[in-house]
C-alpha atoms as a PDB file:
ATOM      1  CA  MET A   1     139.219 200.585  23.035  1.00  0.00           C
ATOM      2  CA  ASN A   2     140.238 198.554  20.043  1.00  0.00           C
ATOM      3  CA  TYR A   3     143.386 199.278  18.414  1.00  0.00           C
ATOM      4  CA  ILE A   4     144.529 199.081  14.825  1.00  0.00           C
ATOM      5  CA  ALA A   5     147.423 196.945  13.940  1.00  0.00           C
ATOM      6  CA  ALA A   6     149.907 199.871  13.795  1.00  0.00           C
ATOM      7  CA  GLU A   7     148.696 200.846  17.274  1.00  0.00           C
ATOM      8  CA  ARG A   8     149.265 197.475  19.072  1.00  0.00           C
ATOM      9  CA  GLU A   9     152.721 197.686  20.304  1.00  0.00           C
ATOM     10  CA  THR A  10     154.672 196.640  23.416  1.00  0.00           C
ATOM     11  CA  SER A  11     156.883 198.804  25.415  1.00  0.00           C
ATOM     12  CA  ILE A  12     159.383 197.867  27.954  1.00  0.00           C
ATOM     13  CA  VAL A  13     160.906 200.550  30.293  1.00  0.00           C
ATOM     14  CA  TRP A  14     163.335 200.508  33.244  1.00  0.00           C
ATOM     15  CA  ASP A  15     166.011 202.891  34.639  1.00  0.00           C
ATOM     16  CA  ASP A  16     169.277 202.613  36.368  1.00  0.00           C
ATOM     17  CA  GLU A  17     167.738 203.342  39.720  1.00  0.00           C
ATOM     18  CA  THR A  18     164.818 200.714  40.036  1.00  0.00           C
ATOM     19  CA  LYS A  19     164.902 196.971  39.751  1.00  0.00           C
ATOM     20  CA  ILE A  20     161.512 196.908  38.206  1.00  0.00           C
ATOM     21  CA  ALA A  21     160.734 196.880  34.493  1.00  0.00           C
ATOM     22  CA  HIS A  22     157.375 198.395  33.310  1.00  0.00           C
ATOM     23  CA  ILE A  23     155.745 196.584  30.406  1.00  0.00           C
ATOM     24  CA  TYR A  24     152.881 198.221  28.548  1.00  0.00           C
ATOM     25  CA  THR A  25     151.172 196.184  25.742  1.00  0.00           C
ATOM     26  CA  SER A  26     148.270 196.184  23.560  1.00  0.00           C
ATOM     27  CA  GLN A  27     149.283 192.837  21.548  1.00  0.00           C
ATOM     28  CA  TYR A  28     146.922 190.171  22.383  1.00  0.00           C
ATOM     29  CA  PRO A  29     149.539 187.269  22.218  1.00  0.00           C
ATOM     30  CA  THR A  30     151.745 189.261  24.606  1.00  0.00           C
ATOM     31  CA  ILE A  31     148.908 189.981  27.051  1.00  0.00           C
ATOM     32  CA  ASN A  32     148.020 186.349  27.054  1.00  0.00           C
ATOM     33  CA  LYS A  33     151.774 185.202  27.499  1.00  0.00           C
ATOM     34  CA  LEU A  34     152.104 187.717  30.442  1.00  0.00           C
ATOM     35  CA  ASP A  35     148.851 186.879  31.906  1.00  0.00           C
ATOM     36  CA  LYS A  36     149.963 183.079  32.255  1.00  0.00           C
ATOM     37  CA  LEU A  37     153.151 184.254  33.787  1.00  0.00           C
ATOM     38  CA  CYS A  38     151.268 186.186  36.311  1.00  0.00           C
ATOM     39  CA  ALA A  39     149.098 183.261  37.187  1.00  0.00           C
ATOM     40  CA  ALA A  40     151.942 180.817  37.397  1.00  0.00           C
ATOM     41  CA  TYR A  41     154.533 183.363  39.296  1.00  0.00           C
ATOM     42  CA  PRO A  42     152.374 185.909  41.066  1.00  0.00           C
ATOM     43  CA  ASP A  43     155.222 187.074  43.280  1.00  0.00           C
ATOM     44  CA  THR A  44     157.365 187.775  40.276  1.00  0.00           C
ATOM     45  CA  TYR A  45     154.831 189.043  37.426  1.00  0.00           C
ATOM     46  CA  LYS A  46     152.141 191.516  38.293  1.00  0.00           C
ATOM     47  CA  ARG A  47     149.609 192.998  36.160  1.00  0.00           C
ATOM     48  CA  VAL A  48     149.045 196.543  37.380  1.00  0.00           C
ATOM     49  CA  TRP A  49     146.556 198.143  35.012  1.00  0.00           C
ATOM     50  CA  THR A  50     144.159 196.880  32.454  1.00  0.00           C
ATOM     51  CA  GLU A  51     142.062 198.477  29.562  1.00  0.00           C
ATOM     52  CA  SER A  52     139.199 196.451  28.221  1.00  0.00           C
ATOM     53  CA  ASP A  53     136.471 196.714  25.570  1.00  0.00           C
ATOM     54  CA  GLY A  54     133.951 194.800  27.635  1.00  0.00           C
ATOM     55  CA  GLU A  55     134.816 191.426  26.095  1.00  0.00           C
ATOM     56  CA  ARG A  56     138.460 191.276  26.230  1.00  0.00           C
ATOM     57  CA  VAL A  57     141.574 192.989  27.583  1.00  0.00           C
ATOM     58  CA  THR A  58     142.753 195.371  24.969  1.00  0.00           C
ATOM     59  CA  ALA A  59     145.889 196.798  26.741  1.00  0.00           C
ATOM     60  CA  ALA A  60     147.690 196.172  29.896  1.00  0.00           C
ATOM     61  CA  LYS A  61     150.773 197.218  32.070  1.00  0.00           C
ATOM     62  CA  TYR A  62     152.746 194.665  33.919  1.00  0.00           C
ATOM     63  CA  GLU A  63     155.755 194.932  36.530  1.00  0.00           C
ATOM     64  CA  VAL A  64     158.559 192.249  36.628  1.00  0.00           C
ATOM     65  CA  TYR A  65     162.095 192.344  37.828  1.00  0.00           C
ATOM     66  CA  LYS A  66     164.239 193.787  34.865  1.00  0.00           C
ATOM     67  CA  GLY A  67     166.562 191.051  35.094  1.00  0.00           C
ATOM     68  CA  PHE A  68     164.039 188.827  33.503  1.00  0.00           C
ATOM     69  CA  ILE A  69     164.156 190.860  30.430  1.00  0.00           C
ATOM     70  CA  ARG A  70     166.757 189.355  27.806  1.00  0.00           C
ATOM     71  CA  PHE A  71     168.125 190.022  24.816  1.00  0.00           C
ATOM     72  CA  ALA A  72     169.874 187.331  22.937  1.00  0.00           C
ATOM     73  CA  LYS A  73     172.425 186.729  20.214  1.00  0.00           C
ATOM     74  CA  PRO A  74     171.166 185.413  16.876  1.00  0.00           C
ATOM     75  CA  ARG A  75     171.794 181.646  16.340  1.00  0.00           C
ATOM     76  CA  SER A  76     175.042 180.736  14.382  1.00  0.00           C
ATOM     77  CA  GLU A  77     174.518 178.633  11.348  1.00  0.00           C
ATOM     78  CA  ALA A  78     175.983 175.534  13.241  1.00  0.00           C
ATOM     79  CA  GLN A  79     173.256 176.022  16.068  1.00  0.00           C
ATOM     80  CA  LYS A  80     170.468 176.235  13.261  1.00  0.00           C
ATOM     81  CA  GLU A  81     171.763 173.293  11.589  1.00  0.00           C
ATOM     82  CA  SER A  82     172.065 171.332  14.793  1.00  0.00           C
ATOM     83  CA  ALA A  83     168.380 172.140  15.808  1.00  0.00           C
ATOM     84  CA  ARG A  84     167.320 171.278  12.145  1.00  0.00           C
ATOM     85  CA  ARG A  85     168.895 167.745  12.553  1.00  0.00           C
ATOM     86  CA  ALA A  86     167.380 167.339  15.983  1.00  0.00           C
ATOM     87  CA  ALA A  87     164.008 168.155  14.597  1.00  0.00           C
ATOM     88  CA  GLU A  88     164.413 165.692  11.856  1.00  0.00           C
ATOM     89  CA  MET A  89     165.474 162.917  14.295  1.00  0.00           C
ATOM     90  CA  MET A  90     162.483 163.590  16.538  1.00  0.00           C
ATOM     91  CA  LEU A  91     160.059 163.246  13.460  1.00  0.00           C
ATOM     92  CA  ALA A  92     161.719 160.254  12.362  1.00  0.00           C
ATOM     93  CA  ALA A  93     161.619 158.671  15.850  1.00  0.00           C
ATOM     94  CA  LYS A  94     157.689 159.665  15.932  1.00  0.00           C
ATOM     95  CA  VAL A  95     157.035 158.169  12.544  1.00  0.00           C
ATOM     96  CA  ASN A  96     159.052 154.851  13.372  1.00  0.00           C
ATOM     97  CA  ASN A  97     157.016 154.635  16.799  1.00  0.00           C
ATOM     98  CA  PHE A  98     153.697 155.107  14.876  1.00  0.00           C
ATOM     99  CA  HIS A  99     154.565 152.423  12.344  1.00  0.00           C
ATOM    100  CA  SER A 100     155.652 149.983  15.171  1.00  0.00           C
END
């Protein structure tokens, strides 16, 4: 089944009783990312259900330890500026190495 853009979503569900998070997604980039994690860490990430249109996976469900689900604080202005400066220095170093 092919989903329209408004239907392509990712849902993460867990409760206080279990240690497992259940991830349902029909977003292709998220499916690809989770499939790579499943391949690299098969004891941690598991794909437990798949829906396909015959050519590609259109939706999938995964299980993972809920401790791997993270919510992050937004970066501060100082952190953003530091990251911008670091990126500029890396670019300058690449340009200097290219011209050497």
